[in-house]
Amino acid sequence: MNPTSKNIVFEPSWNGIRSPWIGTKNIWDLFVVTNLFDVDIYNEIKSKKANEWDKEFAEKIYDEMKRNKMFITNLGKCTQIDARPIQNSVYEKYLNLLEKEIEIVNPKVIILFGNQVSTVFLKEKTSVSLCRKKEFTKVINDKEYKCYSIFYPVGNGRFNTDKSIEDILWIEDEVLNKKVGSC
């Protein structure tokens, strides 16, 4: 989605990477529980206040993500003063940019966090609670990408973090680790 202006990367003095979830804590719970993130780095994240993050620490986190072959981006390349809802039409303006990012990264799987991002990206009304573990196909310049919608594990979605974890583990096991020709 979009970061708020309370995120450290929007401080005028910030000179590090401007990537999603810098200075936040909750999202990393999801990645460490699904074995997609180093526990020691996770513990560092949990011990730091947002204003204690610096350029080197942010790079360390994103190096760990690269090591685990994860790429995270926001659909909306905008920010606002608080976390109030944004209309789909705002996010739709960023779809072309997101699709260019996807072409560059060429992911094996795209995980979409939440109903709104899923709906805008897939261009169909999506309810995560009704389509868990369902594969969607997104075609970008004649290439098909596998997509899965999961609960957004921040804000009200944190109450469904257990389901987000279950779905990511399922995607790892059933989609990414599936052996060709296996039954």
N, C-alpha and C. Protein backbone atom coordinates (compact mmCIF):
# COMPACT_ATOMS: atom_id res chain seq x y z
N MET A 1 0.84 -1.18 0.00
CA MET A 1 0.00 0.00 0.00
C MET A 1 0.88 1.24 0.00
N ASN A 2 0.68 2.07 0.97
CA ASN A 2 1.42 3.32 1.02
C ASN A 2 1.92 3.57 2.44
N PRO A 3 3.12 4.11 2.55
CA PRO A 3 3.58 4.48 3.88
C PRO A 3 2.97 5.80 4.32
N THR A 4 2.96 6.03 5.61
CA THR A 4 2.51 7.33 6.11
C THR A 4 3.72 8.21 6.34
N SER A 5 3.47 9.48 6.52
CA SER A 5 4.57 10.42 6.73
C SER A 5 5.25 10.20 8.08
N LYS A 6 4.67 9.35 8.92
CA LYS A 6 5.30 9.04 10.20
C LYS A 6 6.47 8.07 10.03
N ASN A 7 6.56 7.43 8.87
CA ASN A 7 7.64 6.50 8.58
C ASN A 7 8.95 7.28 8.48
N ILE A 8 10.01 6.73 9.03
CA ILE A 8 11.30 7.42 9.08
C ILE A 8 11.84 7.81 7.71
N VAL A 9 11.51 7.06 6.68
CA VAL A 9 12.07 7.37 5.35
C VAL A 9 11.55 8.70 4.80
N PHE A 10 10.53 9.25 5.42
CA PHE A 10 10.00 10.53 4.96
C PHE A 10 10.52 11.71 5.77
N GLU A 11 11.43 11.44 6.69
CA GLU A 11 12.10 12.52 7.41
C GLU A 11 13.06 13.20 6.45
N PRO A 12 13.10 14.52 6.43
CA PRO A 12 14.03 15.22 5.53
C PRO A 12 15.49 14.80 5.73
N SER A 13 15.85 14.40 6.93
CA SER A 13 17.24 14.03 7.21
C SER A 13 17.60 12.60 6.79
N TRP A 14 16.59 11.79 6.42
CA TRP A 14 16.85 10.40 6.05
C TRP A 14 17.62 10.36 4.74
N ASN A 15 18.78 9.65 4.74
CA ASN A 15 19.57 9.55 3.51
C ASN A 15 19.75 8.11 3.06
N GLY A 16 18.96 7.20 3.62
CA GLY A 16 19.05 5.79 3.25
C GLY A 16 18.05 5.43 2.16
N ILE A 17 17.93 4.13 1.90
CA ILE A 17 16.99 3.67 0.89
C ILE A 17 15.57 4.00 1.32
N ARG A 18 14.74 4.28 0.37
CA ARG A 18 13.33 4.61 0.65
C ARG A 18 12.48 3.42 0.21
N SER A 19 12.49 2.42 1.06
CA SER A 19 11.81 1.16 0.77
C SER A 19 10.70 0.92 1.77
N PRO A 20 9.74 0.06 1.41
CA PRO A 20 8.63 -0.23 2.31
C PRO A 20 9.09 -0.78 3.66
N TRP A 21 8.38 -0.37 4.68
CA TRP A 21 8.48 -0.90 6.04
C TRP A 21 9.77 -0.57 6.77
N ILE A 22 10.54 0.38 6.26
CA ILE A 22 11.72 0.85 7.00
C ILE A 22 11.21 1.55 8.26
N GLY A 23 11.76 1.20 9.39
CA GLY A 23 11.36 1.82 10.65
C GLY A 23 10.12 1.21 11.29
N THR A 24 9.59 0.14 10.72
CA THR A 24 8.40 -0.51 11.27
C THR A 24 8.79 -1.85 11.90
N LYS A 25 7.86 -2.45 12.63
CA LYS A 25 8.17 -3.70 13.31
C LYS A 25 7.26 -4.87 12.93
N ASN A 26 5.97 -4.65 12.81
CA ASN A 26 5.01 -5.75 12.71
C ASN A 26 5.21 -6.65 11.50
N ILE A 27 5.50 -6.10 10.35
CA ILE A 27 5.58 -6.91 9.14
C ILE A 27 6.68 -7.96 9.23
N TRP A 28 7.74 -7.65 9.94
CA TRP A 28 8.88 -8.56 10.01
C TRP A 28 8.54 -9.82 10.79
N ASP A 29 7.54 -9.76 11.68
CA ASP A 29 7.06 -10.96 12.38
C ASP A 29 6.67 -12.03 11.36
N LEU A 30 5.97 -11.60 10.35
CA LEU A 30 5.48 -12.50 9.31
C LEU A 30 6.64 -13.19 8.60
N PHE A 31 7.67 -12.43 8.27
CA PHE A 31 8.78 -13.00 7.51
C PHE A 31 9.66 -13.93 8.33
N VAL A 32 9.85 -13.62 9.60
CA VAL A 32 10.70 -14.49 10.42
C VAL A 32 9.98 -15.80 10.74
N VAL A 33 8.69 -15.76 10.98
CA VAL A 33 7.93 -16.97 11.30
C VAL A 33 7.86 -17.90 10.08
N THR A 34 7.88 -17.34 8.89
CA THR A 34 7.82 -18.15 7.66
C THR A 34 9.22 -18.51 7.16
N ASN A 35 10.22 -18.29 7.99
CA ASN A 35 11.62 -18.63 7.67
C ASN A 35 12.16 -17.89 6.45
N LEU A 36 11.65 -16.70 6.22
CA LEU A 36 12.12 -15.88 5.11
C LEU A 36 13.03 -14.75 5.58
N PHE A 37 13.42 -14.80 6.85
CA PHE A 37 14.19 -13.69 7.40
C PHE A 37 15.02 -14.18 8.57
N ASP A 38 16.23 -13.68 8.69
CA ASP A 38 17.17 -14.06 9.74
C ASP A 38 16.66 -13.62 11.12
N VAL A 39 16.71 -14.52 12.08
CA VAL A 39 16.20 -14.25 13.43
C VAL A 39 17.03 -13.18 14.13
N ASP A 40 18.34 -13.18 13.95
CA ASP A 40 19.18 -12.17 14.61
C ASP A 40 18.87 -10.77 14.11
N ILE A 41 18.69 -10.62 12.81
CA ILE A 41 18.33 -9.30 12.26
C ILE A 41 16.94 -8.91 12.75
N TYR A 42 16.04 -9.87 12.78
CA TYR A 42 14.69 -9.63 13.29
C TYR A 42 14.75 -9.11 14.73
N ASN A 43 15.57 -9.73 15.56
CA ASN A 43 15.71 -9.28 16.95
C ASN A 43 16.26 -7.86 17.03
N GLU A 44 17.16 -7.51 16.11
CA GLU A 44 17.65 -6.13 16.05
C GLU A 44 16.51 -5.17 15.71
N ILE A 45 15.68 -5.57 14.75
CA ILE A 45 14.53 -4.74 14.37
C ILE A 45 13.65 -4.50 15.58
N LYS A 46 13.34 -5.56 16.29
CA LYS A 46 12.45 -5.46 17.44
C LYS A 46 13.04 -4.60 18.57
N SER A 47 14.36 -4.54 18.65
CA SER A 47 14.99 -3.79 19.74
C SER A 47 15.14 -2.30 19.43
N LYS A 48 14.98 -1.92 18.17
CA LYS A 48 15.20 -0.52 17.78
C LYS A 48 13.89 0.25 17.70
N LYS A 49 13.94 1.49 18.10
CA LYS A 49 12.84 2.41 17.86
C LYS A 49 12.99 2.91 16.42
N ALA A 50 11.90 3.37 15.85
CA ALA A 50 11.92 3.82 14.45
C ALA A 50 13.00 4.87 14.21
N ASN A 51 13.17 5.79 15.15
CA ASN A 51 14.15 6.85 14.93
C ASN A 51 15.59 6.39 15.15
N GLU A 52 15.78 5.12 15.55
CA GLU A 52 17.12 4.57 15.72
C GLU A 52 17.62 3.85 14.46
N TRP A 53 16.74 3.70 13.49
CA TRP A 53 17.16 3.09 12.23
C TRP A 53 18.07 4.07 11.50
N ASP A 54 19.07 3.54 10.82
CA ASP A 54 19.93 4.38 10.00
C ASP A 54 20.13 3.72 8.64
N LYS A 55 20.85 4.41 7.79
CA LYS A 55 21.06 3.95 6.42
C LYS A 55 21.66 2.53 6.41
N GLU A 56 22.68 2.30 7.23
CA GLU A 56 23.36 1.00 7.24
C GLU A 56 22.43 -0.12 7.72
N PHE A 57 21.62 0.17 8.72
CA PHE A 57 20.70 -0.85 9.23
C PHE A 57 19.63 -1.17 8.18
N ALA A 58 19.11 -0.16 7.53
CA ALA A 58 18.11 -0.39 6.48
C ALA A 58 18.71 -1.23 5.35
N GLU A 59 19.94 -0.93 4.98
CA GLU A 59 20.59 -1.71 3.92
C GLU A 59 20.82 -3.16 4.37
N LYS A 60 21.15 -3.35 5.63
CA LYS A 60 21.34 -4.70 6.18
C LYS A 60 20.04 -5.51 6.05
N ILE A 61 18.93 -4.87 6.35
CA ILE A 61 17.63 -5.54 6.25
C ILE A 61 17.31 -5.90 4.80
N TYR A 62 17.51 -4.96 3.90
CA TYR A 62 17.19 -5.24 2.51
C TYR A 62 18.20 -6.18 1.85
N ASP A 63 19.44 -6.22 2.35
CA ASP A 63 20.39 -7.25 1.90
C ASP A 63 19.89 -8.63 2.30
N GLU A 64 19.33 -8.73 3.51
CA GLU A 64 18.77 -10.00 3.97
C GLU A 64 17.59 -10.41 3.09
N MET A 65 16.80 -9.44 2.67
CA MET A 65 15.68 -9.75 1.79
C MET A 65 16.19 -10.26 0.44
N LYS A 66 17.22 -9.62 -0.09
CA LYS A 66 17.82 -10.08 -1.35
C LYS A 66 18.35 -11.50 -1.20
N ARG A 67 19.01 -11.76 -0.07
CA ARG A 67 19.56 -13.09 0.18
C ARG A 67 18.45 -14.15 0.15
N ASN A 68 17.28 -13.77 0.61
CA ASN A 68 16.13 -14.67 0.62
C ASN A 68 15.27 -14.55 -0.64
N LYS A 69 15.79 -13.84 -1.62
CA LYS A 69 15.13 -13.68 -2.93
C LYS A 69 13.73 -13.10 -2.82
N MET A 70 13.61 -12.09 -1.94
CA MET A 70 12.33 -11.38 -1.81
C MET A 70 12.50 -9.97 -2.34
N PHE A 71 11.46 -9.48 -2.97
CA PHE A 71 11.40 -8.09 -3.41
C PHE A 71 10.08 -7.53 -2.92
N ILE A 72 10.14 -6.42 -2.22
CA ILE A 72 8.93 -5.80 -1.70
C ILE A 72 8.80 -4.42 -2.31
N THR A 73 7.59 -4.10 -2.70
CA THR A 73 7.31 -2.77 -3.22
C THR A 73 5.92 -2.36 -2.76
N ASN A 74 5.62 -1.11 -2.96
CA ASN A 74 4.28 -0.59 -2.67
C ASN A 74 3.54 -0.37 -3.98
N LEU A 75 2.26 -0.67 -3.99
CA LEU A 75 1.44 -0.34 -5.15
C LEU A 75 1.36 1.17 -5.30
N GLY A 76 1.06 1.85 -4.21
CA GLY A 76 0.98 3.31 -4.24
C GLY A 76 2.32 3.93 -3.96
N LYS A 77 2.80 4.75 -4.85
CA LYS A 77 4.09 5.43 -4.66
C LYS A 77 3.81 6.83 -4.13
N CYS A 78 3.06 6.87 -3.07
CA CYS A 78 2.65 8.14 -2.50
C CYS A 78 2.65 8.00 -0.99
N THR A 79 2.51 9.11 -0.32
CA THR A 79 2.42 9.07 1.14
C THR A 79 1.39 10.09 1.59
N GLN A 80 0.96 9.95 2.81
CA GLN A 80 0.00 10.88 3.39
C GLN A 80 0.31 11.01 4.88
N ILE A 81 -0.35 11.93 5.54
CA ILE A 81 -0.01 12.19 6.93
C ILE A 81 -0.48 11.10 7.89
N ASP A 82 -1.47 10.31 7.48
CA ASP A 82 -1.96 9.25 8.35
C ASP A 82 -2.34 8.04 7.50
N ALA A 83 -2.92 7.04 8.12
CA ALA A 83 -3.22 5.78 7.43
C ALA A 83 -4.67 5.68 6.98
N ARG A 84 -5.30 6.81 6.69
CA ARG A 84 -6.70 6.74 6.24
C ARG A 84 -6.78 6.06 4.87
N PRO A 85 -7.92 5.48 4.56
CA PRO A 85 -8.07 4.76 3.30
C PRO A 85 -7.88 5.67 2.08
N ILE A 86 -7.36 5.08 1.04
CA ILE A 86 -7.17 5.77 -0.23
C ILE A 86 -8.05 5.08 -1.27
N GLN A 87 -8.67 5.86 -2.12
CA GLN A 87 -9.56 5.30 -3.14
C GLN A 87 -8.76 4.50 -4.17
N ASN A 88 -9.40 3.48 -4.72
CA ASN A 88 -8.76 2.64 -5.74
C ASN A 88 -8.22 3.46 -6.90
N SER A 89 -8.93 4.51 -7.28
CA SER A 89 -8.51 5.31 -8.43
C SER A 89 -7.11 5.91 -8.24
N VAL A 90 -6.73 6.18 -7.00
CA VAL A 90 -5.38 6.69 -6.73
C VAL A 90 -4.36 5.59 -7.02
N TYR A 91 -4.62 4.40 -6.52
CA TYR A 91 -3.69 3.29 -6.74
C TYR A 91 -3.60 2.90 -8.22
N GLU A 92 -4.72 2.99 -8.91
CA GLU A 92 -4.73 2.62 -10.32
C GLU A 92 -3.75 3.45 -11.14
N LYS A 93 -3.48 4.66 -10.69
CA LYS A 93 -2.53 5.53 -11.39
C LYS A 93 -1.10 4.97 -11.34
N TYR A 94 -0.84 4.09 -10.39
CA TYR A 94 0.51 3.55 -10.21
C TYR A 94 0.68 2.15 -10.81
N LEU A 95 -0.36 1.59 -11.39
CA LEU A 95 -0.28 0.22 -11.90
C LEU A 95 0.81 0.04 -12.96
N ASN A 96 0.93 0.98 -13.89
CA ASN A 96 1.95 0.83 -14.94
C ASN A 96 3.35 0.78 -14.35
N LEU A 97 3.61 1.61 -13.37
CA LEU A 97 4.93 1.61 -12.72
C LEU A 97 5.17 0.28 -12.00
N LEU A 98 4.17 -0.22 -11.30
CA LEU A 98 4.30 -1.51 -10.62
C LEU A 98 4.56 -2.63 -11.63
N GLU A 99 3.86 -2.60 -12.74
CA GLU A 99 4.05 -3.63 -13.76
C GLU A 99 5.46 -3.58 -14.34
N LYS A 100 6.02 -2.39 -14.49
CA LYS A 100 7.41 -2.27 -14.95
C LYS A 100 8.37 -2.87 -13.92
N GLU A 101 8.12 -2.62 -12.64
CA GLU A 101 8.94 -3.22 -11.59
C GLU A 101 8.88 -4.75 -11.67
N ILE A 102 7.69 -5.27 -11.87
CA ILE A 102 7.51 -6.72 -11.94
C ILE A 102 8.26 -7.29 -13.13
N GLU A 103 8.21 -6.61 -14.26
CA GLU A 103 8.96 -7.09 -15.43
C GLU A 103 10.46 -7.14 -15.15
N ILE A 104 10.97 -6.16 -14.44
CA ILE A 104 12.40 -6.12 -14.12
C ILE A 104 12.77 -7.24 -13.15
N VAL A 105 11.99 -7.42 -12.12
CA VAL A 105 12.29 -8.41 -11.08
C VAL A 105 11.99 -9.83 -11.57
N ASN A 106 10.95 -9.99 -12.37
CA ASN A 106 10.52 -11.28 -12.91
C ASN A 106 10.32 -12.34 -11.81
N PRO A 107 9.40 -12.08 -10.89
CA PRO A 107 9.21 -12.99 -9.76
C PRO A 107 8.57 -14.32 -10.16
N LYS A 108 8.87 -15.35 -9.38
CA LYS A 108 8.21 -16.64 -9.56
C LYS A 108 6.77 -16.57 -9.09
N VAL A 109 6.55 -15.81 -8.02
CA VAL A 109 5.23 -15.66 -7.43
C VAL A 109 5.07 -14.23 -6.94
N ILE A 110 3.87 -13.71 -7.07
CA ILE A 110 3.54 -12.39 -6.52
C ILE A 110 2.55 -12.60 -5.39
N ILE A 111 2.90 -12.08 -4.22
CA ILE A 111 2.00 -12.14 -3.07
C ILE A 111 1.41 -10.75 -2.88
N LEU A 112 0.10 -10.68 -2.91
CA LEU A 112 -0.63 -9.42 -2.77
C LEU A 112 -1.19 -9.33 -1.36
N PHE A 113 -0.87 -8.25 -0.67
CA PHE A 113 -1.33 -8.07 0.70
C PHE A 113 -2.65 -7.31 0.73
N GLY A 114 -3.73 -7.98 1.08
CA GLY A 114 -5.00 -7.33 1.33
C GLY A 114 -5.96 -7.26 0.16
N ASN A 115 -7.22 -6.95 0.50
CA ASN A 115 -8.30 -6.89 -0.48
C ASN A 115 -8.10 -5.79 -1.50
N GLN A 116 -7.75 -4.60 -1.04
CA GLN A 116 -7.68 -3.46 -1.96
C GLN A 116 -6.55 -3.63 -2.97
N VAL A 117 -5.37 -3.98 -2.51
CA VAL A 117 -4.25 -4.17 -3.43
C VAL A 117 -4.58 -5.29 -4.42
N SER A 118 -5.15 -6.38 -3.93
CA SER A 118 -5.52 -7.49 -4.80
C SER A 118 -6.54 -7.06 -5.85
N THR A 119 -7.55 -6.33 -5.42
CA THR A 119 -8.60 -5.87 -6.33
C THR A 119 -8.03 -4.95 -7.41
N VAL A 120 -7.21 -4.00 -7.02
CA VAL A 120 -6.66 -3.05 -7.98
C VAL A 120 -5.69 -3.75 -8.93
N PHE A 121 -4.80 -4.57 -8.39
CA PHE A 121 -3.78 -5.22 -9.21
C PHE A 121 -4.38 -6.24 -10.17
N LEU A 122 -5.31 -7.04 -9.68
CA LEU A 122 -5.90 -8.09 -10.51
C LEU A 122 -7.05 -7.59 -11.38
N LYS A 123 -7.50 -6.38 -11.10
CA LYS A 123 -8.62 -5.76 -11.83
C LYS A 123 -9.90 -6.58 -11.72
N GLU A 124 -10.09 -7.14 -10.53
CA GLU A 124 -11.34 -7.83 -10.22
C GLU A 124 -11.57 -7.76 -8.72
N LYS A 125 -12.82 -7.65 -8.33
CA LYS A 125 -13.16 -7.56 -6.91
C LYS A 125 -12.63 -8.80 -6.20
N THR A 126 -11.83 -8.58 -5.17
CA THR A 126 -11.18 -9.68 -4.48
C THR A 126 -11.40 -9.57 -2.98
N SER A 127 -11.78 -10.67 -2.37
CA SER A 127 -11.89 -10.76 -0.92
C SER A 127 -10.95 -11.88 -0.48
N VAL A 128 -9.91 -11.51 0.24
CA VAL A 128 -8.91 -12.50 0.65
C VAL A 128 -9.55 -13.66 1.40
N SER A 129 -10.51 -13.38 2.24
CA SER A 129 -11.13 -14.45 3.03
C SER A 129 -11.83 -15.48 2.14
N LEU A 130 -12.21 -15.10 0.92
CA LEU A 130 -12.90 -16.02 0.01
C LEU A 130 -11.97 -16.67 -1.01
N CYS A 131 -10.72 -16.21 -1.09
CA CYS A 131 -9.85 -16.74 -2.15
C CYS A 131 -8.48 -17.16 -1.64
N ARG A 132 -8.40 -17.50 -0.38
CA ARG A 132 -7.11 -17.95 0.16
C ARG A 132 -6.61 -19.17 -0.61
N LYS A 133 -5.34 -19.15 -0.93
CA LYS A 133 -4.65 -20.24 -1.63
C LYS A 133 -5.14 -20.42 -3.06
N LYS A 134 -5.85 -19.46 -3.58
CA LYS A 134 -6.30 -19.51 -4.97
C LYS A 134 -5.27 -18.80 -5.84
N GLU A 135 -4.89 -19.44 -6.92
CA GLU A 135 -3.95 -18.83 -7.84
C GLU A 135 -4.69 -17.94 -8.83
N PHE A 136 -4.20 -16.73 -8.97
CA PHE A 136 -4.66 -15.80 -10.00
C PHE A 136 -3.53 -15.64 -10.99
N THR A 137 -3.87 -15.33 -12.22
CA THR A 137 -2.85 -15.07 -13.23
C THR A 137 -2.93 -13.62 -13.66
N LYS A 138 -1.80 -12.97 -13.66
CA LYS A 138 -1.69 -11.59 -14.13
C LYS A 138 -0.78 -11.62 -15.34
N VAL A 139 -1.27 -11.10 -16.46
CA VAL A 139 -0.48 -11.05 -17.68
C VAL A 139 0.07 -9.64 -17.84
N ILE A 140 1.39 -9.56 -17.97
CA ILE A 140 2.07 -8.29 -18.19
C ILE A 140 2.96 -8.47 -19.41
N ASN A 141 2.65 -7.75 -20.48
CA ASN A 141 3.41 -7.86 -21.74
C ASN A 141 3.61 -9.31 -22.16
N ASP A 142 2.52 -10.03 -22.24
CA ASP A 142 2.48 -11.42 -22.72
C ASP A 142 3.15 -12.43 -21.79
N LYS A 143 3.56 -12.04 -20.62
CA LYS A 143 4.13 -12.98 -19.65
C LYS A 143 3.13 -13.18 -18.51
N GLU A 144 2.92 -14.43 -18.14
CA GLU A 144 1.99 -14.75 -17.06
C GLU A 144 2.73 -14.84 -15.72
N TYR A 145 2.12 -14.25 -14.70
CA TYR A 145 2.66 -14.28 -13.34
C TYR A 145 1.63 -14.91 -12.41
N LYS A 146 2.09 -15.80 -11.56
CA LYS A 146 1.22 -16.41 -10.55
C LYS A 146 1.07 -15.42 -9.40
N CYS A 147 -0.16 -15.21 -8.98
CA CYS A 147 -0.45 -14.27 -7.89
C CYS A 147 -1.33 -14.94 -6.84
N TYR A 148 -1.07 -14.58 -5.58
CA TYR A 148 -1.86 -15.07 -4.46
C TYR A 148 -2.18 -13.90 -3.55
N SER A 149 -3.41 -13.83 -3.11
CA SER A 149 -3.83 -12.78 -2.17
C SER A 149 -3.77 -13.34 -0.76
N ILE A 150 -3.17 -12.56 0.14
CA ILE A 150 -3.17 -12.95 1.55
C ILE A 150 -3.59 -11.74 2.38
N PHE A 151 -3.95 -12.00 3.62
CA PHE A 151 -4.33 -10.91 4.51
C PHE A 151 -3.14 -9.98 4.73
N TYR A 152 -3.42 -8.69 4.76
CA TYR A 152 -2.39 -7.71 5.06
C TYR A 152 -2.16 -7.73 6.57
N PRO A 153 -0.96 -8.13 7.02
CA PRO A 153 -0.76 -8.38 8.46
C PRO A 153 -0.43 -7.14 9.29
N VAL A 154 -0.94 -6.01 8.91
CA VAL A 154 -0.72 -4.76 9.63
C VAL A 154 -2.08 -4.09 9.83
N GLY A 155 -2.19 -3.24 10.82
CA GLY A 155 -3.47 -2.59 11.10
C GLY A 155 -4.49 -3.63 11.53
N ASN A 156 -5.72 -3.53 11.02
CA ASN A 156 -6.75 -4.51 11.37
C ASN A 156 -6.40 -5.91 10.89
N GLY A 157 -5.59 -6.00 9.84
CA GLY A 157 -5.19 -7.30 9.32
C GLY A 157 -4.31 -8.09 10.26
N ARG A 158 -3.74 -7.44 11.27
CA ARG A 158 -2.87 -8.16 12.21
C ARG A 158 -3.64 -9.27 12.93
N PHE A 159 -4.96 -9.15 12.98
CA PHE A 159 -5.76 -10.20 13.62
C PHE A 159 -5.80 -11.47 12.77
N ASN A 160 -5.38 -11.36 11.52
CA ASN A 160 -5.33 -12.51 10.62
C ASN A 160 -3.90 -12.91 10.28
N THR A 161 -2.94 -12.45 11.07
CA THR A 161 -1.54 -12.77 10.79
C THR A 161 -1.32 -14.28 10.73
N ASP A 162 -1.99 -15.03 11.58
CA ASP A 162 -1.83 -16.49 11.56
C ASP A 162 -2.24 -17.06 10.20
N LYS A 163 -3.27 -16.49 9.59
CA LYS A 163 -3.71 -16.95 8.27
C LYS A 163 -2.71 -16.52 7.20
N SER A 164 -2.14 -15.33 7.35
CA SER A 164 -1.11 -14.88 6.41
C SER A 164 0.09 -15.82 6.46
N ILE A 165 0.50 -16.19 7.65
CA ILE A 165 1.62 -17.12 7.83
C ILE A 165 1.29 -18.46 7.18
N GLU A 166 0.11 -18.97 7.47
CA GLU A 166 -0.31 -20.26 6.89
C GLU A 166 -0.28 -20.20 5.37
N ASP A 167 -0.76 -19.11 4.80
CA ASP A 167 -0.82 -18.99 3.34
C ASP A 167 0.58 -18.87 2.72
N ILE A 168 1.46 -18.12 3.36
CA ILE A 168 2.83 -18.00 2.82
C ILE A 168 3.53 -19.35 2.90
N LEU A 169 3.39 -20.06 4.00
CA LEU A 169 3.99 -21.39 4.11
C LEU A 169 3.42 -22.33 3.05
N TRP A 170 2.13 -22.23 2.80
CA TRP A 170 1.50 -23.05 1.77
C TRP A 170 2.08 -22.71 0.39
N ILE A 171 2.23 -21.42 0.09
CA ILE A 171 2.80 -21.00 -1.19
C ILE A 171 4.22 -21.53 -1.33
N GLU A 172 5.00 -21.43 -0.26
CA GLU A 172 6.37 -21.96 -0.29
C GLU A 172 6.38 -23.45 -0.60
N ASP A 173 5.54 -24.21 0.10
CA ASP A 173 5.53 -25.66 -0.04
C ASP A 173 4.86 -26.14 -1.33
N GLU A 174 3.70 -25.61 -1.62
CA GLU A 174 2.88 -26.14 -2.71
C GLU A 174 3.15 -25.49 -4.07
N VAL A 175 3.71 -24.30 -4.08
CA VAL A 175 3.92 -23.61 -5.35
C VAL A 175 5.41 -23.50 -5.67
N LEU A 176 6.17 -22.95 -4.76
CA LEU A 176 7.59 -22.71 -5.03
C LEU A 176 8.45 -23.96 -4.93
N ASN A 177 8.12 -24.86 -4.04
CA ASN A 177 8.94 -26.06 -3.83
C ASN A 177 8.41 -27.29 -4.54
N LYS A 178 7.34 -27.11 -5.31
CA LYS A 178 6.73 -28.24 -6.01
C LYS A 178 7.71 -28.76 -7.06
N LYS A 179 7.93 -30.02 -7.05
CA LYS A 179 8.85 -30.63 -8.01
C LYS A 179 8.08 -30.97 -9.28
N VAL A 180 8.70 -30.71 -10.42
CA VAL A 180 8.07 -31.02 -11.70
C VAL A 180 7.87 -32.52 -11.80
N GLY A 181 6.68 -32.91 -12.17
CA GLY A 181 6.37 -34.32 -12.33
C GLY A 181 5.99 -35.04 -11.05
N SER A 182 5.99 -34.33 -9.93
CA SER A 182 5.62 -35.00 -8.67
C SER A 182 4.12 -35.04 -8.52
N CYS A 183 3.65 -35.99 -7.73
CA CYS A 183 2.21 -36.13 -7.51
C CYS A 183 1.82 -35.59 -6.16
